[in-house]
Amino acid sequence: MLNALQVVTTVVVGVMVGVEFAVPFFINPIINALPEDAGQLARADGGRRGGAVMPFWYITSLVLVGIWAVAGWGDHGTGLVVTAGALLIVSVLMSVLLLVPINNRVKTWTPENRPADWKQQMNRWDRWHYVRVAVIIAAFALLVAALA
């Protein structure tokens, strides 16, 4: 049963990492190249969609890692799993404190009501997102290492 939990947890976290990695390296460059206001509208839509799904995904990942750490307590790799859990906590805190406030504004913007500094706010979100991606990649790598 523990093996199944480890595999499910690693897959759930790994897919989350893949999605979050794709945002700055693939999706945003495509969106930023769209003409006129289409890019800003696409980012607002992405903010609404991501804002609806990602909280559950992050929390589910954290819960699964916590269950793995408890169920596998004393096994080799438990320290790596606990450290991965701590990194996921950091990513959740970053999300709530730094990224969500910006996202909550972005998802309501239209070309008619967006603020003058909208691009700077988007760039700030992007910079924090790069850091969050690095944190969750590190957490994922620790989970994979714990399996070895």
Protein backbone atom coordinates (compact mmCIF):
# COMPACT_ATOMS: atom_id res chain seq x y z
CA MET A 1 0.00 0.00 0.00
CA LEU A 2 2.85 2.37 0.80
CA ASN A 3 4.31 1.76 -2.65
CA ALA A 4 1.03 2.76 -4.30
CA LEU A 5 0.90 5.92 -2.16
CA GLN A 6 4.47 6.78 -3.12
CA VAL A 7 3.74 6.36 -6.82
CA VAL A 8 0.47 8.32 -6.70
CA THR A 9 2.10 11.12 -4.71
CA THR A 10 5.07 11.33 -7.06
CA VAL A 11 2.81 11.39 -10.11
CA VAL A 12 0.48 14.05 -8.65
CA VAL A 13 3.40 16.29 -7.64
CA GLY A 14 5.24 15.59 -10.91
CA VAL A 15 2.29 16.54 -13.08
CA MET A 16 1.79 19.71 -11.00
CA VAL A 17 5.46 20.57 -11.53
CA GLY A 18 5.06 19.98 -15.27
CA VAL A 19 2.05 22.27 -15.50
CA GLU A 20 3.70 24.99 -13.45
CA PHE A 21 6.94 24.66 -15.45
CA ALA A 22 5.02 25.00 -18.71
CA VAL A 23 3.50 28.33 -17.66
CA PRO A 24 6.65 30.51 -17.76
CA PHE A 25 8.57 28.58 -20.37
CA PHE A 26 5.85 27.78 -22.93
CA ILE A 27 2.43 29.27 -22.23
CA ASN A 28 3.35 32.82 -21.21
CA PRO A 29 5.73 33.39 -24.15
CA ILE A 30 2.96 32.30 -26.51
CA ILE A 31 0.41 34.50 -24.75
CA ASN A 32 2.80 37.46 -24.68
CA ALA A 33 3.23 37.21 -28.46
CA LEU A 34 -0.50 37.53 -29.12
CA PRO A 35 -1.59 40.77 -30.80
CA GLU A 36 -3.03 43.79 -29.05
CA ASP A 37 -5.09 43.01 -25.94
CA ALA A 38 -5.36 39.26 -26.56
CA GLY A 39 -2.39 38.48 -24.33
CA GLN A 40 -3.79 40.35 -21.36
CA LEU A 41 -7.20 38.73 -21.86
CA ALA A 42 -5.56 35.30 -22.07
CA ARG A 43 -3.63 35.93 -18.83
CA ALA A 44 -6.86 36.97 -17.11
CA ASP A 45 -8.55 33.78 -18.31
CA GLY A 46 -5.55 31.71 -17.24
CA GLY A 47 -5.71 33.37 -13.83
CA ARG A 48 -9.33 32.39 -13.44
CA ARG A 49 -8.74 28.79 -14.55
CA GLY A 50 -5.54 28.31 -12.57
CA GLY A 51 -6.99 30.06 -9.56
CA ALA A 52 -9.85 27.58 -9.53
CA VAL A 53 -7.74 24.40 -9.83
CA MET A 54 -4.28 24.99 -8.42
CA PRO A 55 -5.22 25.50 -4.74
CA PHE A 56 -6.69 22.00 -4.63
CA TRP A 57 -3.71 20.55 -6.47
CA TYR A 58 -1.16 22.15 -4.15
CA ILE A 59 -3.05 21.12 -1.00
CA THR A 60 -3.65 17.58 -2.31
CA SER A 61 0.07 17.27 -3.07
CA LEU A 62 0.98 18.47 0.40
CA VAL A 63 -1.50 16.11 2.07
CA LEU A 64 -0.24 13.14 0.06
CA VAL A 65 3.36 13.94 0.98
CA GLY A 66 2.33 14.25 4.64
CA ILE A 67 0.62 10.85 4.54
CA TRP A 68 3.69 9.35 2.85
CA ALA A 69 5.96 10.80 5.56
CA VAL A 70 3.78 9.40 8.36
CA ALA A 71 3.16 6.02 6.71
CA GLY A 72 6.81 5.56 5.86
CA TRP A 73 8.22 6.94 9.10
CA GLY A 74 11.52 5.27 9.85
CA ASP A 75 12.04 4.04 6.30
CA HIS A 76 15.01 5.18 4.25
CA GLY A 77 14.18 8.42 2.48
CA THR A 78 11.71 9.70 5.08
CA GLY A 79 13.91 12.75 5.69
CA LEU A 80 13.76 13.54 1.98
CA VAL A 81 9.96 13.23 2.01
CA VAL A 82 9.69 15.53 5.05
CA THR A 83 11.97 18.06 3.36
CA ALA A 84 9.86 17.84 0.19
CA GLY A 85 6.80 18.51 2.34
CA ALA A 86 8.49 21.55 3.87
CA LEU A 87 9.25 22.86 0.38
CA LEU A 88 5.63 22.34 -0.64
CA ILE A 89 4.58 24.33 2.43
CA VAL A 90 6.92 27.11 1.27
CA SER A 91 5.29 26.97 -2.18
CA VAL A 92 1.81 27.23 -0.67
CA LEU A 93 2.88 30.18 1.49
CA MET A 94 4.46 31.86 -1.54
CA SER A 95 1.26 31.31 -3.47
CA VAL A 96 -1.02 32.72 -0.78
CA LEU A 97 1.19 35.65 0.19
CA LEU A 98 2.77 36.67 -3.12
CA LEU A 99 1.09 35.18 -6.18
CA VAL A 100 -2.61 34.92 -5.32
CA PRO A 101 -3.02 38.64 -4.51
CA ILE A 102 -1.66 39.55 -7.95
CA ASN A 103 -3.65 36.78 -9.64
CA ASN A 104 -6.86 37.97 -7.96
CA ARG A 105 -6.38 41.36 -9.61
CA VAL A 106 -5.25 40.00 -12.99
CA LYS A 107 -8.24 37.71 -13.42
CA THR A 108 -10.64 40.67 -13.23
CA TRP A 109 -8.84 42.88 -15.76
CA THR A 110 -10.15 43.78 -19.15
CA PRO A 111 -8.56 46.18 -21.63
CA GLU A 112 -10.98 48.80 -20.33
CA ASN A 113 -10.30 48.49 -16.58
CA ARG A 114 -6.71 47.29 -16.26
CA PRO A 115 -4.35 49.57 -14.33
CA ALA A 116 -1.58 51.54 -15.99
CA ASP A 117 1.06 49.32 -14.36
CA TRP A 118 -0.56 46.03 -15.43
CA LYS A 119 2.55 44.83 -17.26
CA GLN A 120 4.74 45.49 -14.23
CA GLN A 121 2.30 43.51 -12.06
CA MET A 122 2.37 40.64 -14.54
CA ASN A 123 6.17 40.70 -14.54
CA ARG A 124 6.19 40.63 -10.72
CA TRP A 125 3.89 37.58 -10.78
CA ASP A 126 6.18 35.93 -13.36
CA ARG A 127 9.29 36.49 -11.23
CA TRP A 128 7.67 35.00 -8.12
CA HIS A 129 6.34 32.13 -10.20
CA TYR A 130 9.90 31.27 -11.37
CA VAL A 131 10.93 30.98 -7.72
CA ARG A 132 7.88 28.86 -6.88
CA VAL A 133 8.64 26.55 -9.82
CA ALA A 134 12.20 26.09 -8.55
CA VAL A 135 10.85 25.24 -5.08
CA ILE A 136 8.39 22.63 -6.34
CA ILE A 137 10.97 21.13 -8.71
CA ALA A 138 13.25 20.67 -5.70
CA ALA A 139 10.37 19.04 -3.77
CA PHE A 140 9.67 16.70 -6.68
CA ALA A 141 13.34 15.78 -7.00
CA LEU A 142 13.44 14.91 -3.29
CA LEU A 143 10.39 12.67 -3.66
CA VAL A 144 11.98 10.86 -6.57
CA ALA A 145 15.21 10.49 -4.59
CA ALA A 146 13.24 9.07 -1.66
CA LEU A 147 11.97 6.32 -3.96
CA ALA A 148 15.51 5.29 -4.90
